Amino acid sequence: MKEYTKSKLNRVKRGHNRATYDVEKINTILDASFIGYVSYIYENQAIALPMAYGRKEDKIYLHGSQNNRMLRALLAAETASMTVMHLDALVLARSGLHHSVNYRSVTLFGGIKNITEPREKEDALYCFMEHMMKGRWNGIRPMHKDELERTIVAEITIETASAKVRDVGVGDEPEDYDLDVWAGLVPLKQIATYPIPDQGLPQEMDIPAHVLHYYEKNQ
């Protein structure tokens, strides 16, 4: 089992019994999502924004316009951090203090660089698109040269990370278990509903197999 080395940067202190540094488990959590929260500093102001991403091995790919202030700030700093979280259940306890949620989360840290070589940019965008939906890249038109030129593609190399997972039931005070109060879990999940075609020609076309596969897998 390969683990990230624990340090002051990535060590989980509060609720450390829920922490894992296992690389495979962390990658599984990252691969189950498509949106991460990326932090940066802009004019001495801390900001966090949701960003779509793709992952390949220890690389995370982000993209945006050439004027994207977040990506420009990160590239200037040459370092980045991102958090991904899945909300799995509401934990309803017998007291307000012990209400909680079940979740899976990852926080990663690494260096970041700007990919400028056209072929490398296209490969990174392929990874991004396939992370969103397998098979989608081959179902769309090729990118134009000017589209690549207008786009910043940033590559984060994960240098260290940690995950935190809560997947248990209610943790009430022992004396509260006999109270006449309902307690338990309300499981939550994100699902796909049936695909809706865009206006025009798509309304006359069969829905592509890769789109239906995604729907069937995630409904």
N, C-alpha and C. Protein backbone atom coordinates (compact mmCIF):
# COMPACT_ATOMS: atom_id res chain seq x y z
N MET A 1 0.84 -1.19 0.00
CA MET A 1 0.00 0.00 0.00
C MET A 1 0.88 1.25 0.00
N LYS A 2 0.71 2.07 -1.02
CA LYS A 2 1.49 3.30 -1.14
C LYS A 2 0.76 4.44 -0.45
N GLU A 3 1.46 5.19 0.40
CA GLU A 3 0.86 6.30 1.12
C GLU A 3 1.64 7.58 0.90
N TYR A 4 0.93 8.71 0.99
CA TYR A 4 1.62 9.99 1.02
C TYR A 4 2.25 10.18 2.40
N THR A 5 3.45 10.73 2.42
CA THR A 5 4.14 10.99 3.68
C THR A 5 3.38 12.04 4.47
N LYS A 6 3.19 11.80 5.76
CA LYS A 6 2.49 12.75 6.62
C LYS A 6 3.43 13.91 6.97
N SER A 7 2.89 15.11 6.93
CA SER A 7 3.65 16.30 7.26
C SER A 7 2.72 17.32 7.92
N LYS A 8 3.26 18.46 8.33
CA LYS A 8 2.42 19.51 8.91
C LYS A 8 1.38 19.99 7.90
N LEU A 9 1.71 19.88 6.62
CA LEU A 9 0.82 20.39 5.58
C LEU A 9 -0.40 19.51 5.38
N ASN A 10 -0.22 18.19 5.34
CA ASN A 10 -1.34 17.32 4.97
C ASN A 10 -1.87 16.47 6.12
N ARG A 11 -1.24 16.51 7.29
CA ARG A 11 -1.69 15.67 8.40
C ARG A 11 -3.06 16.13 8.91
N VAL A 12 -3.97 15.18 9.06
CA VAL A 12 -5.30 15.46 9.61
C VAL A 12 -5.21 15.43 11.12
N LYS A 13 -5.57 16.52 11.78
CA LYS A 13 -5.48 16.59 13.23
C LYS A 13 -6.83 16.31 13.89
N ARG A 14 -7.85 17.04 13.51
CA ARG A 14 -9.17 16.83 14.10
C ARG A 14 -9.83 15.64 13.42
N GLY A 15 -10.23 14.66 14.20
CA GLY A 15 -10.82 13.45 13.63
C GLY A 15 -9.80 12.62 12.87
N HIS A 16 -8.60 12.53 13.43
CA HIS A 16 -7.51 11.83 12.72
C HIS A 16 -7.81 10.35 12.52
N ASN A 17 -8.74 9.80 13.31
CA ASN A 17 -9.11 8.39 13.13
C ASN A 17 -9.85 8.16 11.82
N ARG A 18 -10.33 9.22 11.20
CA ARG A 18 -11.03 9.11 9.92
C ARG A 18 -10.11 9.40 8.74
N ALA A 19 -8.87 9.67 9.01
CA ALA A 19 -7.94 10.06 7.95
C ALA A 19 -7.33 8.86 7.25
N THR A 20 -7.01 9.04 5.99
CA THR A 20 -6.21 8.07 5.25
C THR A 20 -5.27 8.83 4.33
N TYR A 21 -4.10 8.25 4.12
CA TYR A 21 -3.09 8.83 3.24
C TYR A 21 -2.79 7.87 2.09
N ASP A 22 -3.63 6.85 1.97
CA ASP A 22 -3.46 5.82 0.96
C ASP A 22 -3.71 6.41 -0.43
N VAL A 23 -2.73 6.28 -1.31
CA VAL A 23 -2.80 6.90 -2.63
C VAL A 23 -3.97 6.35 -3.44
N GLU A 24 -4.18 5.04 -3.41
CA GLU A 24 -5.26 4.44 -4.19
C GLU A 24 -6.63 4.92 -3.71
N LYS A 25 -6.83 4.97 -2.39
CA LYS A 25 -8.11 5.43 -1.85
C LYS A 25 -8.35 6.90 -2.20
N ILE A 26 -7.30 7.70 -2.12
CA ILE A 26 -7.42 9.11 -2.47
C ILE A 26 -7.78 9.28 -3.95
N ASN A 27 -7.14 8.50 -4.82
CA ASN A 27 -7.45 8.58 -6.24
C ASN A 27 -8.88 8.15 -6.53
N THR A 28 -9.36 7.16 -5.79
CA THR A 28 -10.74 6.70 -5.98
C THR A 28 -11.73 7.82 -5.65
N ILE A 29 -11.48 8.57 -4.59
CA ILE A 29 -12.34 9.69 -4.23
C ILE A 29 -12.27 10.78 -5.29
N LEU A 30 -11.06 11.07 -5.78
CA LEU A 30 -10.90 12.08 -6.83
C LEU A 30 -11.63 11.66 -8.10
N ASP A 31 -11.53 10.40 -8.45
CA ASP A 31 -12.13 9.93 -9.71
C ASP A 31 -13.66 9.87 -9.66
N ALA A 32 -14.22 9.85 -8.46
CA ALA A 32 -15.66 9.80 -8.32
C ALA A 32 -16.30 11.18 -8.43
N SER A 33 -15.48 12.21 -8.60
CA SER A 33 -15.99 13.57 -8.70
C SER A 33 -15.48 14.23 -9.98
N PHE A 34 -15.99 15.42 -10.24
CA PHE A 34 -15.57 16.19 -11.40
C PHE A 34 -15.31 17.65 -11.03
N ILE A 35 -15.71 18.03 -9.80
CA ILE A 35 -15.57 19.40 -9.33
C ILE A 35 -14.72 19.43 -8.06
N GLY A 36 -13.72 20.31 -8.04
CA GLY A 36 -12.93 20.53 -6.85
C GLY A 36 -12.95 22.01 -6.49
N TYR A 37 -12.63 22.30 -5.24
CA TYR A 37 -12.57 23.68 -4.76
C TYR A 37 -11.10 24.08 -4.67
N VAL A 38 -10.73 25.05 -5.50
CA VAL A 38 -9.34 25.47 -5.63
C VAL A 38 -9.15 26.79 -4.89
N SER A 39 -8.10 26.87 -4.07
CA SER A 39 -7.82 28.06 -3.29
C SER A 39 -6.67 28.85 -3.88
N TYR A 40 -6.77 30.19 -3.78
CA TYR A 40 -5.68 31.04 -4.25
C TYR A 40 -5.76 32.39 -3.55
N ILE A 41 -4.72 33.18 -3.71
CA ILE A 41 -4.65 34.53 -3.14
C ILE A 41 -4.67 35.53 -4.28
N TYR A 42 -5.60 36.50 -4.18
CA TYR A 42 -5.67 37.56 -5.18
C TYR A 42 -5.71 38.90 -4.46
N GLU A 43 -4.68 39.71 -4.68
CA GLU A 43 -4.56 41.02 -4.03
C GLU A 43 -4.78 40.89 -2.52
N ASN A 44 -4.05 39.94 -1.92
CA ASN A 44 -4.05 39.68 -0.47
C ASN A 44 -5.39 39.17 0.05
N GLN A 45 -6.26 38.74 -0.84
CA GLN A 45 -7.56 38.19 -0.45
C GLN A 45 -7.59 36.69 -0.75
N ALA A 46 -7.91 35.89 0.26
CA ALA A 46 -8.05 34.45 0.05
C ALA A 46 -9.38 34.16 -0.62
N ILE A 47 -9.35 33.36 -1.71
CA ILE A 47 -10.54 33.03 -2.48
C ILE A 47 -10.53 31.53 -2.77
N ALA A 48 -11.69 30.91 -2.73
CA ALA A 48 -11.83 29.50 -3.13
C ALA A 48 -12.95 29.41 -4.15
N LEU A 49 -12.69 28.72 -5.26
CA LEU A 49 -13.66 28.60 -6.34
C LEU A 49 -13.82 27.15 -6.76
N PRO A 50 -15.04 26.76 -7.14
CA PRO A 50 -15.22 25.41 -7.71
C PRO A 50 -14.70 25.36 -9.14
N MET A 51 -13.97 24.30 -9.45
CA MET A 51 -13.40 24.12 -10.78
C MET A 51 -13.56 22.68 -11.23
N ALA A 52 -13.95 22.48 -12.48
CA ALA A 52 -13.94 21.14 -13.06
C ALA A 52 -12.49 20.72 -13.29
N TYR A 53 -12.24 19.42 -13.19
CA TYR A 53 -10.87 18.92 -13.33
C TYR A 53 -10.85 17.54 -13.96
N GLY A 54 -9.68 17.16 -14.40
CA GLY A 54 -9.42 15.79 -14.84
C GLY A 54 -8.20 15.27 -14.12
N ARG A 55 -8.13 13.95 -13.92
CA ARG A 55 -6.95 13.35 -13.26
C ARG A 55 -6.36 12.26 -14.11
N LYS A 56 -5.03 12.22 -14.17
CA LYS A 56 -4.29 11.11 -14.76
C LYS A 56 -3.07 10.86 -13.89
N GLU A 57 -3.03 9.69 -13.26
CA GLU A 57 -1.94 9.34 -12.34
C GLU A 57 -1.82 10.42 -11.26
N ASP A 58 -0.67 11.07 -11.14
CA ASP A 58 -0.51 12.07 -10.09
C ASP A 58 -0.71 13.50 -10.63
N LYS A 59 -1.38 13.63 -11.75
CA LYS A 59 -1.61 14.94 -12.36
C LYS A 59 -3.09 15.32 -12.30
N ILE A 60 -3.34 16.57 -11.97
CA ILE A 60 -4.67 17.16 -12.02
C ILE A 60 -4.64 18.26 -13.07
N TYR A 61 -5.63 18.27 -13.97
CA TYR A 61 -5.67 19.26 -15.04
C TYR A 61 -6.85 20.21 -14.85
N LEU A 62 -6.54 21.52 -14.91
CA LEU A 62 -7.53 22.59 -14.87
C LEU A 62 -7.40 23.39 -16.15
N HIS A 63 -8.48 24.05 -16.56
CA HIS A 63 -8.35 24.92 -17.72
C HIS A 63 -9.29 26.12 -17.60
N GLY A 64 -8.94 27.19 -18.28
CA GLY A 64 -9.74 28.40 -18.28
C GLY A 64 -9.22 29.35 -19.35
N SER A 65 -9.81 30.52 -19.42
CA SER A 65 -9.38 31.50 -20.42
C SER A 65 -8.01 32.06 -20.07
N GLN A 66 -7.37 32.69 -21.04
CA GLN A 66 -6.06 33.29 -20.81
C GLN A 66 -6.12 34.41 -19.77
N ASN A 67 -7.31 34.96 -19.54
CA ASN A 67 -7.47 36.04 -18.56
C ASN A 67 -7.95 35.53 -17.20
N ASN A 68 -7.99 34.24 -17.01
CA ASN A 68 -8.47 33.67 -15.76
C ASN A 68 -7.54 34.06 -14.61
N ARG A 69 -8.02 34.91 -13.70
CA ARG A 69 -7.14 35.44 -12.65
C ARG A 69 -6.71 34.36 -11.65
N MET A 70 -7.58 33.37 -11.44
CA MET A 70 -7.22 32.30 -10.52
C MET A 70 -6.04 31.50 -11.06
N LEU A 71 -6.14 31.05 -12.31
CA LEU A 71 -5.06 30.26 -12.88
C LEU A 71 -3.77 31.08 -12.98
N ARG A 72 -3.89 32.36 -13.32
CA ARG A 72 -2.70 33.20 -13.42
C ARG A 72 -2.05 33.39 -12.04
N ALA A 73 -2.87 33.53 -11.00
CA ALA A 73 -2.33 33.67 -9.65
C ALA A 73 -1.64 32.39 -9.20
N LEU A 74 -2.24 31.24 -9.50
CA LEU A 74 -1.64 29.96 -9.12
C LEU A 74 -0.33 29.73 -9.86
N LEU A 75 -0.31 30.03 -11.16
CA LEU A 75 0.91 29.83 -11.94
C LEU A 75 2.02 30.76 -11.48
N ALA A 76 1.66 31.96 -11.06
CA ALA A 76 2.67 32.88 -10.53
C ALA A 76 3.24 32.36 -9.21
N ALA A 77 2.37 31.76 -8.39
CA ALA A 77 2.81 31.23 -7.09
C ALA A 77 3.52 29.89 -7.24
N GLU A 78 3.28 29.19 -8.36
CA GLU A 78 3.87 27.89 -8.66
C GLU A 78 3.47 26.80 -7.65
N THR A 79 2.35 27.02 -6.97
CA THR A 79 1.86 26.02 -6.03
C THR A 79 0.35 26.10 -5.97
N ALA A 80 -0.30 24.98 -5.66
CA ALA A 80 -1.76 24.93 -5.66
C ALA A 80 -2.28 23.95 -4.61
N SER A 81 -3.53 24.17 -4.21
CA SER A 81 -4.23 23.27 -3.30
C SER A 81 -5.66 23.13 -3.78
N MET A 82 -6.21 21.92 -3.66
CA MET A 82 -7.59 21.68 -4.09
C MET A 82 -8.25 20.69 -3.14
N THR A 83 -9.54 20.90 -2.89
CA THR A 83 -10.32 19.99 -2.05
C THR A 83 -11.51 19.45 -2.84
N VAL A 84 -11.76 18.17 -2.69
CA VAL A 84 -12.91 17.50 -3.31
C VAL A 84 -13.70 16.84 -2.19
N MET A 85 -15.04 16.96 -2.23
CA MET A 85 -15.86 16.36 -1.19
C MET A 85 -17.13 15.75 -1.77
N HIS A 86 -17.49 14.57 -1.26
CA HIS A 86 -18.76 13.92 -1.58
C HIS A 86 -19.60 13.88 -0.30
N LEU A 87 -20.83 14.37 -0.37
CA LEU A 87 -21.75 14.30 0.75
C LEU A 87 -22.60 13.05 0.59
N ASP A 88 -22.47 12.09 1.52
CA ASP A 88 -23.08 10.77 1.37
C ASP A 88 -24.33 10.56 2.22
N ALA A 89 -24.46 11.27 3.33
CA ALA A 89 -25.65 11.08 4.17
C ALA A 89 -25.75 12.19 5.21
N LEU A 90 -26.99 12.51 5.60
CA LEU A 90 -27.23 13.32 6.78
C LEU A 90 -27.29 12.38 7.98
N VAL A 91 -26.60 12.73 9.03
CA VAL A 91 -26.60 11.93 10.25
C VAL A 91 -27.46 12.66 11.28
N LEU A 92 -28.67 12.14 11.53
CA LEU A 92 -29.63 12.80 12.41
C LEU A 92 -29.57 12.14 13.79
N ALA A 93 -29.09 12.90 14.74
CA ALA A 93 -28.89 12.38 16.09
C ALA A 93 -30.05 12.77 17.01
N ARG A 94 -29.92 12.40 18.27
CA ARG A 94 -30.95 12.71 19.25
C ARG A 94 -30.74 14.08 19.87
N SER A 95 -29.57 14.67 19.64
CA SER A 95 -29.28 16.02 20.12
C SER A 95 -28.67 16.81 18.98
N GLY A 96 -28.83 18.13 19.03
CA GLY A 96 -28.27 18.97 17.98
C GLY A 96 -26.77 18.86 17.88
N LEU A 97 -26.10 18.71 19.02
CA LEU A 97 -24.64 18.66 19.04
C LEU A 97 -24.08 17.51 18.22
N HIS A 98 -24.80 16.38 18.19
CA HIS A 98 -24.27 15.18 17.55
C HIS A 98 -24.78 14.96 16.13
N HIS A 99 -25.55 15.91 15.60
CA HIS A 99 -25.87 15.84 14.17
C HIS A 99 -24.59 15.98 13.36
N SER A 100 -24.51 15.24 12.26
CA SER A 100 -23.29 15.27 11.46
C SER A 100 -23.65 14.89 10.02
N VAL A 101 -22.64 14.62 9.24
CA VAL A 101 -22.84 14.11 7.87
C VAL A 101 -21.82 13.00 7.62
N ASN A 102 -22.17 12.08 6.75
CA ASN A 102 -21.20 11.13 6.22
C ASN A 102 -20.65 11.69 4.92
N TYR A 103 -19.38 11.52 4.71
CA TYR A 103 -18.72 12.18 3.58
C TYR A 103 -17.43 11.47 3.23
N ARG A 104 -16.91 11.80 2.04
CA ARG A 104 -15.55 11.44 1.61
C ARG A 104 -14.90 12.71 1.09
N SER A 105 -13.74 13.05 1.60
CA SER A 105 -13.09 14.28 1.14
C SER A 105 -11.59 14.05 0.95
N VAL A 106 -11.03 14.84 0.04
CA VAL A 106 -9.58 14.82 -0.23
C VAL A 106 -9.09 16.26 -0.31
N THR A 107 -7.96 16.52 0.29
CA THR A 107 -7.26 17.79 0.08
C THR A 107 -5.87 17.45 -0.45
N LEU A 108 -5.53 18.07 -1.57
CA LEU A 108 -4.23 17.79 -2.19
C LEU A 108 -3.42 19.07 -2.35
N PHE A 109 -2.11 18.89 -2.41
CA PHE A 109 -1.17 20.00 -2.55
C PHE A 109 -0.14 19.62 -3.61
N GLY A 110 0.30 20.61 -4.38
CA GLY A 110 1.33 20.32 -5.36
C GLY A 110 1.79 21.53 -6.13
N GLY A 111 2.82 21.31 -6.93
CA GLY A 111 3.29 22.35 -7.83
C GLY A 111 2.38 22.43 -9.05
N ILE A 112 2.36 23.59 -9.68
CA ILE A 112 1.50 23.79 -10.84
C ILE A 112 2.30 24.45 -11.95
N LYS A 113 2.02 24.03 -13.17
CA LYS A 113 2.72 24.63 -14.32
C LYS A 113 1.74 24.83 -15.47
N ASN A 114 2.12 25.74 -16.35
CA ASN A 114 1.33 26.05 -17.54
C ASN A 114 1.78 25.15 -18.68
N ILE A 115 0.84 24.41 -19.26
CA ILE A 115 1.16 23.58 -20.42
C ILE A 115 0.97 24.43 -21.67
N THR A 116 2.03 24.58 -22.45
CA THR A 116 1.97 25.46 -23.62
C THR A 116 2.12 24.71 -24.94
N GLU A 117 2.73 23.54 -24.93
CA GLU A 117 2.92 22.80 -26.17
C GLU A 117 1.56 22.28 -26.65
N PRO A 118 1.16 22.55 -27.90
CA PRO A 118 -0.20 22.23 -28.36
C PRO A 118 -0.61 20.78 -28.16
N ARG A 119 0.28 19.85 -28.47
CA ARG A 119 -0.07 18.44 -28.34
C ARG A 119 -0.30 18.07 -26.87
N GLU A 120 0.54 18.59 -25.98
CA GLU A 120 0.38 18.33 -24.56
C GLU A 120 -0.91 18.94 -24.04
N LYS A 121 -1.24 20.14 -24.52
CA LYS A 121 -2.50 20.77 -24.11
C LYS A 121 -3.69 19.93 -24.53
N GLU A 122 -3.65 19.43 -25.75
CA GLU A 122 -4.76 18.62 -26.25
C GLU A 122 -4.88 17.31 -25.46
N ASP A 123 -3.73 16.71 -25.12
CA ASP A 123 -3.76 15.48 -24.32
C ASP A 123 -4.37 15.75 -22.94
N ALA A 124 -4.02 16.90 -22.36
CA ALA A 124 -4.57 17.26 -21.04
C ALA A 124 -6.07 17.50 -21.12
N LEU A 125 -6.52 18.16 -22.19
CA LEU A 125 -7.95 18.41 -22.36
C LEU A 125 -8.71 17.11 -22.64
N TYR A 126 -8.06 16.17 -23.33
CA TYR A 126 -8.64 14.84 -23.52
C TYR A 126 -8.87 14.18 -22.16
N CYS A 127 -7.86 14.27 -21.28
CA CYS A 127 -7.99 13.70 -19.94
C CYS A 127 -9.15 14.36 -19.19
N PHE A 128 -9.24 15.68 -19.30
CA PHE A 128 -10.31 16.44 -18.65
C PHE A 128 -11.67 15.96 -19.15
N MET A 129 -11.81 15.84 -20.46
CA MET A 129 -13.10 15.46 -21.04
C MET A 129 -13.47 14.02 -20.69
N GLU A 130 -12.50 13.12 -20.73
CA GLU A 130 -12.78 11.72 -20.41
C GLU A 130 -13.08 11.53 -18.93
N HIS A 131 -12.52 12.42 -18.09
CA HIS A 131 -12.84 12.36 -16.66
C HIS A 131 -14.31 12.72 -16.45
N MET A 132 -14.79 13.67 -17.26
CA MET A 132 -16.19 14.08 -17.18
C MET A 132 -17.11 12.96 -17.66
N MET A 133 -16.81 12.40 -18.84
CA MET A 133 -17.64 11.33 -19.41
C MET A 133 -16.80 10.49 -20.37
N LYS A 134 -16.64 9.24 -20.06
CA LYS A 134 -15.87 8.34 -20.91
C LYS A 134 -16.47 8.27 -22.32
N GLY A 135 -15.61 8.41 -23.32
CA GLY A 135 -16.04 8.31 -24.70
C GLY A 135 -16.49 9.62 -25.31
N ARG A 136 -16.58 10.69 -24.51
CA ARG A 136 -17.11 11.95 -25.03
C ARG A 136 -16.17 12.59 -26.05
N TRP A 137 -14.85 12.48 -25.81
CA TRP A 137 -13.88 13.16 -26.67
C TRP A 137 -14.05 12.74 -28.14
N ASN A 138 -14.27 11.46 -28.36
CA ASN A 138 -14.41 10.96 -29.74
C ASN A 138 -15.77 11.27 -30.36
N GLY A 139 -16.67 11.86 -29.57
CA GLY A 139 -17.98 12.19 -30.10
C GLY A 139 -18.15 13.67 -30.41
N ILE A 140 -17.08 14.45 -30.29
CA ILE A 140 -17.17 15.89 -30.54
C ILE A 140 -16.18 16.27 -31.65
N ARG A 141 -16.31 17.49 -32.17
CA ARG A 141 -15.41 17.92 -33.23
C ARG A 141 -14.02 18.20 -32.66
N PRO A 142 -12.98 18.12 -33.48
CA PRO A 142 -11.62 18.46 -33.03
C PRO A 142 -11.53 19.92 -32.62
N MET A 143 -10.62 20.21 -31.71
CA MET A 143 -10.42 21.59 -31.26
C MET A 143 -9.73 22.41 -32.34
N HIS A 144 -10.11 23.68 -32.47
CA HIS A 144 -9.44 24.58 -33.39
C HIS A 144 -8.17 25.12 -32.75
N LYS A 145 -7.23 25.49 -33.59
CA LYS A 145 -5.94 26.01 -33.13
C LYS A 145 -6.14 27.24 -32.24
N ASP A 146 -7.05 28.14 -32.65
CA ASP A 146 -7.24 29.36 -31.87
C ASP A 146 -7.91 29.09 -30.53
N GLU A 147 -8.70 27.99 -30.44
CA GLU A 147 -9.29 27.62 -29.16
C GLU A 147 -8.21 27.21 -28.18
N LEU A 148 -7.25 26.43 -28.64
CA LEU A 148 -6.13 26.04 -27.78
C LEU A 148 -5.34 27.25 -27.34
N GLU A 149 -5.13 28.19 -28.25
CA GLU A 149 -4.33 29.38 -27.94
C GLU A 149 -5.04 30.28 -26.92
N ARG A 150 -6.37 30.27 -26.91
CA ARG A 150 -7.12 31.11 -25.98
C ARG A 150 -7.28 30.48 -24.60
N THR A 151 -6.79 29.26 -24.46
CA THR A 151 -7.04 28.50 -23.24
C THR A 151 -5.76 28.27 -22.44
N ILE A 152 -5.83 28.55 -21.14
CA ILE A 152 -4.78 28.13 -20.22
C ILE A 152 -5.08 26.70 -19.79
N VAL A 153 -4.12 25.83 -19.92
CA VAL A 153 -4.24 24.47 -19.38
C VAL A 153 -3.16 24.31 -18.32
N ALA A 154 -3.58 24.14 -17.08
CA ALA A 154 -2.65 24.06 -15.95
C ALA A 154 -2.59 22.64 -15.42
N GLU A 155 -1.38 22.21 -15.10
CA GLU A 155 -1.15 20.85 -14.60
C GLU A 155 -0.62 20.93 -13.17
N ILE A 156 -1.39 20.36 -12.24
CA ILE A 156 -0.95 20.23 -10.85
C ILE A 156 -0.36 18.84 -10.67
N THR A 157 0.85 18.77 -10.17
CA THR A 157 1.45 17.50 -9.79
C THR A 157 1.21 17.29 -8.30
N ILE A 158 0.46 16.25 -7.97
CA ILE A 158 0.14 16.00 -6.56
C ILE A 158 1.41 15.57 -5.82
N GLU A 159 1.85 16.40 -4.91
CA GLU A 159 3.05 16.09 -4.13
C GLU A 159 2.69 15.45 -2.80
N THR A 160 1.56 15.85 -2.23
CA THR A 160 1.08 15.24 -1.00
C THR A 160 -0.43 15.46 -0.91
N ALA A 161 -1.08 14.61 -0.14
CA ALA A 161 -2.54 14.70 -0.02
C ALA A 161 -2.98 13.89 1.19
N SER A 162 -4.21 14.13 1.60
CA SER A 162 -4.83 13.31 2.64
C SER A 162 -6.32 13.25 2.38
N ALA A 163 -6.94 12.20 2.88
CA ALA A 163 -8.38 12.05 2.75
C ALA A 163 -8.98 11.88 4.14
N LYS A 164 -10.25 12.24 4.25
CA LYS A 164 -10.98 12.07 5.49
C LYS A 164 -12.35 11.51 5.15
N VAL A 165 -12.74 10.46 5.84
CA VAL A 165 -13.98 9.76 5.51
C VAL A 165 -14.78 9.49 6.79
N ARG A 166 -16.07 9.84 6.76
CA ARG A 166 -16.98 9.40 7.81
C ARG A 166 -18.05 8.55 7.14
N ASP A 167 -18.19 7.30 7.59
CA ASP A 167 -19.15 6.38 6.98
C ASP A 167 -19.82 5.51 8.04
N VAL A 168 -20.12 6.13 9.18
CA VAL A 168 -20.73 5.38 10.29
C VAL A 168 -22.05 6.04 10.68
N GLY A 169 -22.71 5.44 11.65
CA GLY A 169 -24.01 5.91 12.08
C GLY A 169 -23.95 7.01 13.12
N VAL A 170 -25.04 7.12 13.87
CA VAL A 170 -25.18 8.17 14.88
C VAL A 170 -24.26 7.89 16.07
N GLY A 171 -23.68 8.95 16.61
CA GLY A 171 -22.84 8.82 17.80
C GLY A 171 -23.39 9.66 18.93
N ASP A 172 -24.46 9.19 19.56
CA ASP A 172 -25.11 9.95 20.63
C ASP A 172 -24.48 9.64 22.00
N GLU A 173 -24.86 10.46 22.98
CA GLU A 173 -24.47 10.18 24.36
C GLU A 173 -25.19 8.90 24.83
N PRO A 174 -24.50 8.06 25.62
CA PRO A 174 -25.10 6.78 26.04
C PRO A 174 -26.48 6.94 26.68
N GLU A 175 -26.66 7.98 27.48
CA GLU A 175 -27.93 8.16 28.18
C GLU A 175 -29.06 8.62 27.26
N ASP A 176 -28.73 9.03 26.02
CA ASP A 176 -29.76 9.53 25.11
C ASP A 176 -30.40 8.45 24.24
N TYR A 177 -29.84 7.24 24.23
CA TYR A 177 -30.33 6.22 23.31
C TYR A 177 -31.75 5.74 23.62
N ASP A 178 -32.22 5.99 24.84
CA ASP A 178 -33.58 5.57 25.20
C ASP A 178 -34.58 6.71 25.06
N LEU A 179 -34.14 7.87 24.55
CA LEU A 179 -35.06 8.99 24.38
C LEU A 179 -36.05 8.71 23.25
N ASP A 180 -37.22 9.32 23.37
CA ASP A 180 -38.27 9.17 22.37
C ASP A 180 -38.02 10.15 21.22
N VAL A 181 -36.89 9.98 20.55
CA VAL A 181 -36.46 10.86 19.45
C VAL A 181 -35.98 9.98 18.31
N TRP A 182 -36.50 10.22 17.09
CA TRP A 182 -36.02 9.45 15.94
C TRP A 182 -34.62 9.88 15.57
N ALA A 183 -33.76 8.90 15.31
CA ALA A 183 -32.39 9.17 14.88
C ALA A 183 -32.02 8.17 13.79
N GLY A 184 -31.09 8.57 12.94
CA GLY A 184 -30.66 7.67 11.88
C GLY A 184 -29.99 8.42 10.74
N LEU A 185 -29.87 7.75 9.62
CA LEU A 185 -29.19 8.31 8.45
C LEU A 185 -30.20 8.61 7.34
N VAL A 186 -29.96 9.68 6.61
CA VAL A 186 -30.67 9.95 5.36
C VAL A 186 -29.62 9.90 4.25
N PRO A 187 -29.49 8.76 3.56
CA PRO A 187 -28.48 8.66 2.51
C PRO A 187 -28.76 9.64 1.37
N LEU A 188 -27.70 10.19 0.81
CA LEU A 188 -27.79 11.14 -0.29
C LEU A 188 -26.93 10.65 -1.44
N LYS A 189 -27.37 10.94 -2.68
CA LYS A 189 -26.53 10.64 -3.82
C LYS A 189 -26.88 11.56 -4.98
N GLN A 190 -25.90 11.77 -5.84
CA GLN A 190 -26.12 12.54 -7.07
C GLN A 190 -26.41 11.57 -8.19
N ILE A 191 -27.48 11.84 -8.96
CA ILE A 191 -27.86 10.92 -10.02
C ILE A 191 -27.97 11.65 -11.35
N ALA A 192 -27.93 10.89 -12.42
CA ALA A 192 -28.18 11.42 -13.75
C ALA A 192 -29.62 11.09 -14.14
N THR A 193 -30.34 12.05 -14.71
CA THR A 193 -31.66 11.79 -15.27
C THR A 193 -31.52 11.66 -16.79
N TYR A 194 -32.62 11.31 -17.44
CA TYR A 194 -32.54 10.97 -18.87
C TYR A 194 -32.04 12.15 -19.69
N PRO A 195 -31.11 11.92 -20.63
CA PRO A 195 -30.52 13.00 -21.42
C PRO A 195 -31.55 13.81 -22.21
N ILE A 196 -31.36 15.13 -22.26
CA ILE A 196 -32.25 16.04 -22.98
C ILE A 196 -31.47 16.62 -24.16
N PRO A 197 -31.89 16.36 -25.40
CA PRO A 197 -31.14 16.86 -26.55
C PRO A 197 -31.24 18.37 -26.69
N ASP A 198 -30.19 18.97 -27.24
CA ASP A 198 -30.19 20.39 -27.54
C ASP A 198 -31.14 20.67 -28.71
N GLN A 199 -31.39 21.96 -28.95
CA GLN A 199 -32.25 22.35 -30.07
C GLN A 199 -31.59 21.97 -31.40
N GLY A 200 -32.40 21.83 -32.43
CA GLY A 200 -31.87 21.58 -33.78
C GLY A 200 -31.64 20.11 -34.05
N LEU A 201 -30.56 19.83 -34.77
CA LEU A 201 -30.27 18.48 -35.25
C LEU A 201 -30.24 17.43 -34.14
N PRO A 202 -29.69 17.73 -32.95
CA PRO A 202 -29.67 16.69 -31.92
C PRO A 202 -31.03 16.08 -31.60
N GLN A 203 -32.11 16.86 -31.81
CA GLN A 203 -33.44 16.34 -31.52
C GLN A 203 -33.84 15.22 -32.49
N GLU A 204 -33.18 15.18 -33.63
CA GLU A 204 -33.48 14.15 -34.64
C GLU A 204 -32.50 12.99 -34.59
N MET A 205 -31.51 13.08 -33.72
CA MET A 205 -30.45 12.07 -33.66
C MET A 205 -30.69 11.09 -32.52
N ASP A 206 -30.16 9.89 -32.68
CA ASP A 206 -30.12 8.95 -31.57
C ASP A 206 -29.14 9.45 -30.52
N ILE A 207 -29.45 9.23 -29.27
CA ILE A 207 -28.53 9.61 -28.19
C ILE A 207 -27.31 8.70 -28.27
N PRO A 208 -26.10 9.27 -28.28
CA PRO A 208 -24.89 8.44 -28.41
C PRO A 208 -24.77 7.40 -27.31
N ALA A 209 -24.13 6.30 -27.64
CA ALA A 209 -24.00 5.19 -26.69
C ALA A 209 -23.28 5.60 -25.42
N HIS A 210 -22.23 6.46 -25.57
CA HIS A 210 -21.46 6.83 -24.37
C HIS A 210 -22.30 7.69 -23.42
N VAL A 211 -23.24 8.49 -23.98
CA VAL A 211 -24.12 9.30 -23.14
C VAL A 211 -25.13 8.40 -22.42
N LEU A 212 -25.72 7.45 -23.13
CA LEU A 212 -26.66 6.53 -22.51
C LEU A 212 -25.98 5.66 -21.46
N HIS A 213 -24.74 5.27 -21.74
CA HIS A 213 -24.00 4.46 -20.77
C HIS A 213 -23.80 5.24 -19.48
N TYR A 214 -23.45 6.51 -19.60
CA TYR A 214 -23.25 7.35 -18.41
C TYR A 214 -24.58 7.45 -17.64
N TYR A 215 -25.67 7.69 -18.36
CA TYR A 215 -26.98 7.80 -17.71
C TYR A 215 -27.34 6.51 -16.99
N GLU A 216 -27.19 5.38 -17.68
CA GLU A 216 -27.58 4.10 -17.08
C GLU A 216 -26.72 3.77 -15.85
N LYS A 217 -25.47 4.16 -15.91
CA LYS A 217 -24.56 3.88 -14.80
C LYS A 217 -24.85 4.75 -13.58
N ASN A 218 -25.38 5.95 -13.81
CA ASN A 218 -25.51 6.93 -12.73
C ASN A 218 -26.94 7.30 -12.38
N GLN A 219 -27.92 6.60 -12.97
CA GLN A 219 -29.31 6.94 -12.65
C GLN A 219 -29.69 6.44 -11.25
